[in-house]
């Protein structure tokens, strides 16, 4: 039986629609993937590293042995706690001798001033005595300042992460022998594709799953890095934990996800 032209055209259109329907569905699915990628940090989720806001590698130029180490690796301490004490007995004796010298010079300056005032002294010698007294006082202050280095005090609440010296040993000048890290103020450093930076709203909320604890923690993005890596086209962003992150330590790593409803969408009307 021969089909009329209208019937044939209708059948042809139906056949084409049946063929193209799966293609359209695939296109819509791909578009959905692209949209989901725009509200996530990376695909797969971006990796992050927990760091301490407060870190310090301590060294000393004192050429004197250590008499006491207050804390060992892994031990926690409070701000103001004594971390290391040096044997500064010799420096204290030097300070005592310098203090006596200053007192002697003060007497000399006073006597020179009296003689000069009464016309029996030499003004030049009096000025030289004053200059020597000023230098001795400066040396006194410098030695007192140096003696403050005989005791290293913790600048923040933290934990000892590395200790490479023992008591009775003399540290090498300017080479760190004690590394400390704060455990209260933590931040997360995350590497994300640079194309997502324009979509991240201020204070965007993320979830961060720590590998070591296998727990998810809420965090808030606080700033972005200063440059994009031209090779990988990635950039660093930084976040802080919203609540106390129990069990999380500096150096732990994990994966990060962005809560989509906190991501800024594209400008309205292409503006």
C-alpha atoms as a PDB file:
ATOM      1  CA  UNK A   1       0.000   0.000   0.000  1.00  0.00           C
ATOM      2  CA  UNK A   2       1.383   3.407  -1.007  1.00  0.00           C
ATOM      3  CA  UNK A   3       1.330   6.112   1.716  1.00  0.00           C
ATOM      4  CA  UNK A   4       0.128   9.584   0.926  1.00  0.00           C
ATOM      5  CA  UNK A   5       2.616  12.442   1.231  1.00  0.00           C
ATOM      6  CA  UNK A   6       1.228  13.904   4.522  1.00  0.00           C
ATOM      7  CA  UNK A   7       1.207  10.495   6.175  1.00  0.00           C
ATOM      8  CA  UNK A   8       4.725   9.782   4.947  1.00  0.00           C
ATOM      9  CA  UNK A   9       6.007  13.097   6.282  1.00  0.00           C
ATOM     10  CA  UNK A  10       4.412  12.488   9.670  1.00  0.00           C
ATOM     11  CA  UNK A  11       5.982   9.042   9.909  1.00  0.00           C
ATOM     12  CA  UNK A  12       9.383  10.434   8.942  1.00  0.00           C
ATOM     13  CA  UNK A  13       9.200  13.142  11.610  1.00  0.00           C
ATOM     14  CA  UNK A  14       8.227  10.588  14.261  1.00  0.00           C
ATOM     15  CA  UNK A  15      11.163   8.396  13.249  1.00  0.00           C
ATOM     16  CA  UNK A  16      13.610  11.313  13.469  1.00  0.00           C
ATOM     17  CA  UNK A  17      12.294  12.308  16.889  1.00  0.00           C
ATOM     18  CA  UNK A  18      12.746   8.742  18.122  1.00  0.00           C
ATOM     19  CA  UNK A  19      16.350   8.765  16.899  1.00  0.00           C
ATOM     20  CA  UNK A  20      17.210  12.205  18.292  1.00  0.00           C
ATOM     21  CA  UNK A  21      15.504  11.795  21.682  1.00  0.00           C
ATOM     22  CA  UNK A  22      18.429   9.879  23.279  1.00  0.00           C
ATOM     23  CA  UNK A  23      20.874  12.459  21.905  1.00  0.00           C
ATOM     24  CA  UNK A  24      18.874  15.293  23.469  1.00  0.00           C
ATOM     25  CA  UNK A  25      18.719  13.434  26.758  1.00  0.00           C
ATOM     26  CA  UNK A  26      22.498  12.980  26.735  1.00  0.00           C
ATOM     27  CA  UNK A  27      22.953  16.686  26.047  1.00  0.00           C
ATOM     28  CA  UNK A  28      20.690  17.607  28.966  1.00  0.00           C
ATOM     29  CA  UNK A  29      22.604  15.225  31.225  1.00  0.00           C
ATOM     30  CA  UNK A  30      25.921  16.735  30.163  1.00  0.00           C
ATOM     31  CA  UNK A  31      24.541  20.206  30.836  1.00  0.00           C
ATOM     32  CA  UNK A  32      23.472  19.079  34.297  1.00  0.00           C
ATOM     33  CA  UNK A  33      26.970  17.786  34.997  1.00  0.00           C
ATOM     34  CA  UNK A  34      28.454  21.107  33.928  1.00  0.00           C
ATOM     35  CA  UNK A  35      26.080  22.977  36.224  1.00  0.00           C
ATOM     36  CA  UNK A  36      26.878  20.718  39.145  1.00  0.00           C
ATOM     37  CA  UNK A  37      30.574  21.228  38.498  1.00  0.00           C
ATOM     38  CA  UNK A  38      29.995  24.959  38.840  1.00  0.00           C
ATOM     39  CA  UNK A  39      28.825  24.595  42.426  1.00  0.00           C
ATOM     40  CA  UNK A  40      31.422  22.139  43.620  1.00  0.00           C
ATOM     41  CA  UNK A  41      35.069  22.596  44.407  1.00  0.00           C
ATOM     42  CA  UNK A  42      36.581  20.384  41.771  1.00  0.00           C
ATOM     43  CA  UNK A  43      35.476  17.101  40.266  1.00  0.00           C
ATOM     44  CA  UNK A  44      36.518  14.960  42.031  1.00  0.00           C
ATOM     45  CA  UNK A  45      36.413  17.051  45.251  1.00  0.00           C
ATOM     46  CA  UNK A  46      39.464  19.225  45.803  1.00  0.00           C
ATOM     47  CA  UNK A  47      42.122  18.205  48.274  1.00  0.00           C
ATOM     48  CA  UNK A  48      42.911  20.304  51.304  1.00  0.00           C
ATOM     49  CA  UNK A  49      45.539  20.455  54.040  1.00  0.00           C
ATOM     50  CA  UNK A  50      44.995  21.505  57.645  1.00  0.00           C
ATOM     51  CA  UNK A  51      47.535  24.055  58.836  1.00  0.00           C
ATOM     52  CA  UNK A  52      48.101  25.988  62.008  1.00  0.00           C
ATOM     53  CA  UNK A  53      47.778  29.748  61.877  1.00  0.00           C
ATOM     54  CA  UNK A  54      50.619  29.979  64.418  1.00  0.00           C
ATOM     55  CA  UNK A  55      53.890  28.194  63.638  1.00  0.00           C
ATOM     56  CA  UNK A  56      57.479  28.906  64.611  1.00  0.00           C
ATOM     57  CA  UNK A  57      60.917  27.371  64.107  1.00  0.00           C
ATOM     58  CA  UNK A  58      63.067  28.523  67.030  1.00  0.00           C
ATOM     59  CA  UNK A  59      66.826  29.037  66.950  1.00  0.00           C
ATOM     60  CA  UNK A  60      69.442  30.844  69.028  1.00  0.00           C
ATOM     61  CA  UNK A  61      72.829  32.467  68.555  1.00  0.00           C
ATOM     62  CA  UNK A  62      73.827  31.958  72.202  1.00  0.00           C
ATOM     63  CA  UNK A  63      77.083  30.035  72.359  1.00  0.00           C
ATOM     64  CA  UNK A  64      76.100  28.281  75.558  1.00  0.00           C
ATOM     65  CA  UNK A  65      74.627  24.882  76.456  1.00  0.00           C
ATOM     66  CA  UNK A  66      70.974  24.152  77.164  1.00  0.00           C
ATOM     67  CA  UNK A  67      70.211  23.332  80.793  1.00  0.00           C
ATOM     68  CA  UNK A  68      66.520  22.475  80.517  1.00  0.00           C
ATOM     69  CA  UNK A  69      63.987  21.536  77.848  1.00  0.00           C
ATOM     70  CA  UNK A  70      60.473  22.106  79.098  1.00  0.00           C
ATOM     71  CA  UNK A  71      58.522  20.042  76.577  1.00  0.00           C
ATOM     72  CA  UNK A  72      59.213  17.098  74.282  1.00  0.00           C
ATOM     73  CA  UNK A  73      57.745  16.263  70.885  1.00  0.00           C
ATOM     74  CA  UNK A  74      53.996  15.865  71.027  1.00  0.00           C
ATOM     75  CA  UNK A  75      53.604  17.653  74.363  1.00  0.00           C
ATOM     76  CA  UNK A  76      51.298  20.653  74.564  1.00  0.00           C
ATOM     77  CA  UNK A  77      52.050  23.920  76.317  1.00  0.00           C
ATOM     78  CA  UNK A  78      50.336  27.195  77.139  1.00  0.00           C
ATOM     79  CA  UNK A  79      51.332  30.686  76.105  1.00  0.00           C
ATOM     80  CA  UNK A  80      54.084  31.958  78.409  1.00  0.00           C
ATOM     81  CA  UNK A  81      55.400  28.510  79.334  1.00  0.00           C
ATOM     82  CA  UNK A  82      59.194  28.107  79.438  1.00  0.00           C
ATOM     83  CA  UNK A  83      60.247  25.980  76.475  1.00  0.00           C
ATOM     84  CA  UNK A  84      64.047  26.102  76.739  1.00  0.00           C
ATOM     85  CA  UNK A  85      66.521  27.417  79.324  1.00  0.00           C
ATOM     86  CA  UNK A  86      70.189  28.135  78.558  1.00  0.00           C
ATOM     87  CA  UNK A  87      73.189  28.220  80.885  1.00  0.00           C
ATOM     88  CA  UNK A  88      73.879  31.957  80.997  1.00  0.00           C
ATOM     89  CA  UNK A  89      75.960  32.088  84.182  1.00  0.00           C
ATOM     90  CA  UNK A  90      78.941  33.627  82.391  1.00  0.00           C
ATOM     91  CA  UNK A  91      76.810  36.356  80.845  1.00  0.00           C
ATOM     92  CA  UNK A  92      75.352  37.231  84.249  1.00  0.00           C
ATOM     93  CA  UNK A  93      78.843  37.651  85.704  1.00  0.00           C
ATOM     94  CA  UNK A  94      79.734  39.852  82.738  1.00  0.00           C
ATOM     95  CA  UNK A  95      76.667  41.967  83.449  1.00  0.00           C
ATOM     96  CA  UNK A  96      77.624  42.344  87.105  1.00  0.00           C
ATOM     97  CA  UNK A  97      81.121  43.481  86.101  1.00  0.00           C
ATOM     98  CA  UNK A  98      79.673  45.941  83.597  1.00  0.00           C
ATOM     99  CA  UNK A  99      77.302  47.363  86.200  1.00  0.00           C
ATOM    100  CA  UNK A 100      80.244  47.981  88.532  1.00  0.00           C
ATOM    101  CA  UNK A 101      82.134  49.655  85.688  1.00  0.00           C
ATOM    102  CA  UNK A 102      79.200  51.965  85.007  1.00  0.00           C
ATOM    103  CA  UNK A 103      79.073  53.016  88.660  1.00  0.00           C
ATOM    104  CA  UNK A 104      82.796  53.765  88.566  1.00  0.00           C
ATOM    105  CA  UNK A 105      82.376  55.884  85.448  1.00  0.00           C
ATOM    106  CA  UNK A 106      79.473  57.753  87.016  1.00  0.00           C
ATOM    107  CA  UNK A 107      81.749  58.770  89.884  1.00  0.00           C
ATOM    108  CA  UNK A 108      84.441  59.854  87.411  1.00  0.00           C
ATOM    109  CA  UNK A 109      81.976  61.934  85.394  1.00  0.00           C
ATOM    110  CA  UNK A 110      80.626  63.583  88.533  1.00  0.00           C
ATOM    111  CA  UNK A 111      84.138  64.460  89.716  1.00  0.00           C
ATOM    112  CA  UNK A 112      85.126  65.825  86.290  1.00  0.00           C
ATOM    113  CA  UNK A 113      81.985  67.931  86.191  1.00  0.00           C
ATOM    114  CA  UNK A 114      82.727  69.351  89.644  1.00  0.00           C
ATOM    115  CA  UNK A 115      86.313  70.262  88.728  1.00  0.00           C
ATOM    116  CA  UNK A 116      85.297  71.811  85.413  1.00  0.00           C
ATOM    117  CA  UNK A 117      82.561  73.833  87.063  1.00  0.00           C
ATOM    118  CA  UNK A 118      85.101  75.254  89.515  1.00  0.00           C
ATOM    119  CA  UNK A 119      87.708  75.971  86.844  1.00  0.00           C
ATOM    120  CA  UNK A 120      90.081  73.231  87.960  1.00  0.00           C
ATOM    121  CA  UNK A 121      89.292  70.580  85.371  1.00  0.00           C
ATOM    122  CA  UNK A 122      89.757  69.943  81.671  1.00  0.00           C
ATOM    123  CA  UNK A 123      86.534  70.213  79.668  1.00  0.00           C
ATOM    124  CA  UNK A 124      87.760  67.763  77.017  1.00  0.00           C
ATOM    125  CA  UNK A 125      88.510  65.105  79.599  1.00  0.00           C
ATOM    126  CA  UNK A 126      85.068  65.645  81.123  1.00  0.00           C
ATOM    127  CA  UNK A 127      83.403  65.164  77.735  1.00  0.00           C
ATOM    128  CA  UNK A 128      85.410  61.978  77.121  1.00  0.00           C
ATOM    129  CA  UNK A 129      84.321  60.612  80.499  1.00  0.00           C
ATOM    130  CA  UNK A 130      80.670  61.289  79.632  1.00  0.00           C
ATOM    131  CA  UNK A 131      81.055  59.508  76.288  1.00  0.00           C
ATOM    132  CA  UNK A 132      82.630  56.472  77.934  1.00  0.00           C
ATOM    133  CA  UNK A 133      79.817  56.343  80.467  1.00  0.00           C
ATOM    134  CA  UNK A 134      77.216  56.465  77.682  1.00  0.00           C
ATOM    135  CA  UNK A 135      78.932  53.589  75.866  1.00  0.00           C
ATOM    136  CA  UNK A 136      79.094  51.486  79.035  1.00  0.00           C
ATOM    137  CA  UNK A 137      75.405  52.057  79.688  1.00  0.00           C
ATOM    138  CA  UNK A 138      74.587  50.992  76.126  1.00  0.00           C
ATOM    139  CA  UNK A 139      76.628  47.813  76.575  1.00  0.00           C
ATOM    140  CA  UNK A 140      74.756  47.196  79.823  1.00  0.00           C
ATOM    141  CA  UNK A 141      71.410  47.454  78.041  1.00  0.00           C
ATOM    142  CA  UNK A 142      72.602  45.205  75.201  1.00  0.00           C
ATOM    143  CA  UNK A 143      73.759  42.523  77.632  1.00  0.00           C
ATOM    144  CA  UNK A 144      70.478  42.682  79.540  1.00  0.00           C
ATOM    145  CA  UNK A 145      68.614  42.249  76.264  1.00  0.00           C
ATOM    146  CA  UNK A 146      70.811  39.278  75.398  1.00  0.00           C
ATOM    147  CA  UNK A 147      70.132  37.689  78.771  1.00  0.00           C
ATOM    148  CA  UNK A 148      66.432  37.698  77.930  1.00  0.00           C
ATOM    149  CA  UNK A 149      67.285  35.144  75.226  1.00  0.00           C
ATOM    150  CA  UNK A 150      68.525  32.737  77.882  1.00  0.00           C
ATOM    151  CA  UNK A 151      64.926  31.659  78.404  1.00  0.00           C
ATOM    152  CA  UNK A 152      62.661  30.908  75.434  1.00  0.00           C
ATOM    153  CA  UNK A 153      59.005  31.447  76.303  1.00  0.00           C
ATOM    154  CA  UNK A 154      56.070  30.082  74.298  1.00  0.00           C
ATOM    155  CA  UNK A 155      54.506  32.861  72.175  1.00  0.00           C
ATOM    156  CA  UNK A 156      51.175  31.018  71.876  1.00  0.00           C
ATOM    157  CA  UNK A 157      49.299  27.897  72.981  1.00  0.00           C
ATOM    158  CA  UNK A 158      50.749  25.032  70.998  1.00  0.00           C
ATOM    159  CA  UNK A 159      52.486  21.710  70.708  1.00  0.00           C
ATOM    160  CA  UNK A 160      56.091  20.700  70.020  1.00  0.00           C
ATOM    161  CA  UNK A 161      56.253  19.190  66.537  1.00  0.00           C
ATOM    162  CA  UNK A 162      60.024  18.751  66.211  1.00  0.00           C
ATOM    163  CA  UNK A 163      62.948  18.781  68.649  1.00  0.00           C
ATOM    164  CA  UNK A 164      66.475  18.188  67.363  1.00  0.00           C
ATOM    165  CA  UNK A 165      68.601  18.958  70.428  1.00  0.00           C
ATOM    166  CA  UNK A 166      69.187  17.630  73.933  1.00  0.00           C
ATOM    167  CA  UNK A 167      70.124  19.199  77.233  1.00  0.00           C
ATOM    168  CA  UNK A 168      73.826  20.088  77.658  1.00  0.00           C
ATOM    169  CA  UNK A 169      74.168  20.609  73.903  1.00  0.00           C
ATOM    170  CA  UNK A 170      74.946  23.943  72.256  1.00  0.00           C
ATOM    171  CA  UNK A 171      72.678  24.835  69.314  1.00  0.00           C
ATOM    172  CA  UNK A 172      74.234  25.876  66.042  1.00  0.00           C
ATOM    173  CA  UNK A 173      73.778  29.599  65.366  1.00  0.00           C
ATOM    174  CA  UNK A 174      70.607  30.493  63.428  1.00  0.00           C
ATOM    175  CA  UNK A 175      69.717  26.835  62.815  1.00  0.00           C
ATOM    176  CA  UNK A 176      66.252  25.896  64.161  1.00  0.00           C
ATOM    177  CA  UNK A 177      66.298  23.223  66.846  1.00  0.00           C
ATOM    178  CA  UNK A 178      62.709  23.474  68.088  1.00  0.00           C
ATOM    179  CA  UNK A 179      59.563  23.685  65.958  1.00  0.00           C
ATOM    180  CA  UNK A 180      56.228  24.508  67.533  1.00  0.00           C
ATOM    181  CA  UNK A 181      52.725  24.752  66.130  1.00  0.00           C
ATOM    182  CA  UNK A 182      49.483  26.128  67.491  1.00  0.00           C
ATOM    183  CA  UNK A 183      46.592  23.715  67.862  1.00  0.00           C
ATOM    184  CA  UNK A 184      43.740  26.124  68.587  1.00  0.00           C
ATOM    185  CA  UNK A 185      43.642  28.320  65.472  1.00  0.00           C
ATOM    186  CA  UNK A 186      43.554  26.022  62.447  1.00  0.00           C
ATOM    187  CA  UNK A 187      42.940  26.809  58.800  1.00  0.00           C
ATOM    188  CA  UNK A 188      42.409  24.692  55.693  1.00  0.00           C
ATOM    189  CA  UNK A 189      44.426  25.272  52.535  1.00  0.00           C
ATOM    190  CA  UNK A 190      42.532  23.979  49.476  1.00  0.00           C
ATOM    191  CA  UNK A 191      43.607  23.914  45.832  1.00  0.00           C
ATOM    192  CA  UNK A 192      40.729  24.612  43.431  1.00  0.00           C
ATOM    193  CA  UNK A 193      40.391  25.165  39.668  1.00  0.00           C
ATOM    194  CA  UNK A 194      40.838  28.864  38.974  1.00  0.00           C
ATOM    195  CA  UNK A 195      37.639  28.926  36.871  1.00  0.00           C
ATOM    196  CA  UNK A 196      35.593  28.483  40.062  1.00  0.00           C
ATOM    197  CA  UNK A 197      36.935  31.514  41.906  1.00  0.00           C
ATOM    198  CA  UNK A 198      34.396  33.904  40.411  1.00  0.00           C
ATOM    199  CA  UNK A 199      31.572  31.665  41.614  1.00  0.00           C
ATOM    200  CA  UNK A 200      32.622  31.542  45.259  1.00  0.00           C
ATOM    201  CA  UNK A 201      30.649  33.972  47.391  1.00  0.00           C
ATOM    202  CA  UNK A 202      32.199  35.655  50.403  1.00  0.00           C
ATOM    203  CA  UNK A 203      32.022  33.389  53.452  1.00  0.00           C
ATOM    204  CA  UNK A 204      30.980  30.397  51.328  1.00  0.00           C
ATOM    205  CA  UNK A 205      30.330  27.339  53.468  1.00  0.00           C
ATOM    206  CA  UNK A 206      32.202  24.130  52.676  1.00  0.00           C
ATOM    207  CA  UNK A 207      32.242  20.654  54.127  1.00  0.00           C
ATOM    208  CA  UNK A 208      35.690  19.196  54.737  1.00  0.00           C
ATOM    209  CA  UNK A 209      36.123  15.454  55.227  1.00  0.00           C
ATOM    210  CA  UNK A 210      39.363  14.682  57.071  1.00  0.00           C
ATOM    211  CA  UNK A 211      41.070  11.487  55.942  1.00  0.00           C
ATOM    212  CA  UNK A 212      42.522  10.611  59.328  1.00  0.00           C
ATOM    213  CA  UNK A 213      39.317  11.034  61.362  1.00  0.00           C
ATOM    214  CA  UNK A 214      36.876  10.103  58.549  1.00  0.00           C
ATOM    215  CA  UNK A 215      34.577  12.836  59.779  1.00  0.00           C
ATOM    216  CA  UNK A 216      33.045  15.811  57.995  1.00  0.00           C
ATOM    217  CA  UNK A 217      33.512  19.297  59.432  1.00  0.00           C
ATOM    218  CA  UNK A 218      31.862  22.553  58.460  1.00  0.00           C
ATOM    219  CA  UNK A 219      34.195  25.353  57.408  1.00  0.00           C
ATOM    220  CA  UNK A 220      33.961  28.859  55.998  1.00  0.00           C
ATOM    221  CA  UNK A 221      36.077  30.316  53.195  1.00  0.00           C
ATOM    222  CA  UNK A 222      37.907  33.404  54.455  1.00  0.00           C
ATOM    223  CA  UNK A 223      40.304  34.343  51.651  1.00  0.00           C
ATOM    224  CA  UNK A 224      41.847  33.299  48.349  1.00  0.00           C
ATOM    225  CA  UNK A 225      45.458  33.016  47.280  1.00  0.00           C
ATOM    226  CA  UNK A 226      47.294  35.811  45.561  1.00  0.00           C
ATOM    227  CA  UNK A 227      48.021  34.143  42.209  1.00  0.00           C
ATOM    228  CA  UNK A 228      46.883  31.428  39.809  1.00  0.00           C
ATOM    229  CA  UNK A 229      49.278  28.638  38.868  1.00  0.00           C
ATOM    230  CA  UNK A 230      49.682  29.151  35.090  1.00  0.00           C
ATOM    231  CA  UNK A 231      50.494  25.489  34.450  1.00  0.00           C
ATOM    232  CA  UNK A 232      47.705  23.743  36.363  1.00  0.00           C
ATOM    233  CA  UNK A 233      45.262  26.683  36.288  1.00  0.00           C
ATOM    234  CA  UNK A 234      44.589  26.214  39.979  1.00  0.00           C
ATOM    235  CA  UNK A 235      44.578  28.549  42.947  1.00  0.00           C
ATOM    236  CA  UNK A 236      44.600  28.237  46.716  1.00  0.00           C
ATOM    237  CA  UNK A 237      41.691  29.178  48.916  1.00  0.00           C
ATOM    238  CA  UNK A 238      41.680  29.190  52.700  1.00  0.00           C
ATOM    239  CA  UNK A 239      38.961  28.298  55.153  1.00  0.00           C
ATOM    240  CA  UNK A 240      38.464  28.070  58.907  1.00  0.00           C
ATOM    241  CA  UNK A 241      36.416  25.554  60.846  1.00  0.00           C
ATOM    242  CA  UNK A 242      32.989  26.835  61.823  1.00  0.00           C
ATOM    243  CA  UNK A 243      32.879  24.817  65.061  1.00  0.00           C
ATOM    244  CA  UNK A 244      35.526  23.159  67.179  1.00  0.00           C
ATOM    245  CA  UNK A 245      37.219  20.479  65.088  1.00  0.00           C
ATOM    246  CA  UNK A 246      37.777  17.822  67.724  1.00  0.00           C
ATOM    247  CA  UNK A 247      40.607  15.458  66.878  1.00  0.00           C
ATOM    248  CA  UNK A 248      41.911  17.493  63.943  1.00  0.00           C
ATOM    249  CA  UNK A 249      45.629  18.289  63.977  1.00  0.00           C
ATOM    250  CA  UNK A 250      47.898  20.358  61.724  1.00  0.00           C
ATOM    251  CA  UNK A 251      49.156  18.290  58.812  1.00  0.00           C
ATOM    252  CA  UNK A 252      45.973  16.268  58.353  1.00  0.00           C
ATOM    253  CA  UNK A 253      44.451  16.266  54.879  1.00  0.00           C
ATOM    254  CA  UNK A 254      41.057  15.693  53.338  1.00  0.00           C
ATOM    255  CA  UNK A 255      38.562  16.541  50.617  1.00  0.00           C
ATOM    256  CA  UNK A 256      36.378  19.629  50.333  1.00  0.00           C
ATOM    257  CA  UNK A 257      32.894  20.213  48.949  1.00  0.00           C
ATOM    258  CA  UNK A 258      31.060  23.497  48.568  1.00  0.00           C
ATOM    259  CA  UNK A 259      27.465  23.873  49.721  1.00  0.00           C
ATOM    260  CA  UNK A 260      25.838  24.844  46.434  1.00  0.00           C
ATOM    261  CA  UNK A 261      23.322  27.288  47.863  1.00  0.00           C
ATOM    262  CA  UNK A 262      26.145  29.492  49.093  1.00  0.00           C
ATOM    263  CA  UNK A 263      27.797  29.858  45.681  1.00  0.00           C
ATOM    264  CA  UNK A 264      27.291  33.091  43.798  1.00  0.00           C
ATOM    265  CA  UNK A 265      25.554  32.479  40.470  1.00  0.00           C
ATOM    266  CA  UNK A 266      26.344  34.178  37.133  1.00  0.00           C
ATOM    267  CA  UNK A 267      25.437  37.872  36.768  1.00  0.00           C
ATOM    268  CA  UNK A 268      21.806  38.546  35.861  1.00  0.00           C
ATOM    269  CA  UNK A 269      21.332  39.458  32.198  1.00  0.00           C
ATOM    270  CA  UNK A 270      25.012  38.890  31.476  1.00  0.00           C
ATOM    271  CA  UNK A 271      25.948  42.109  33.271  1.00  0.00           C
END
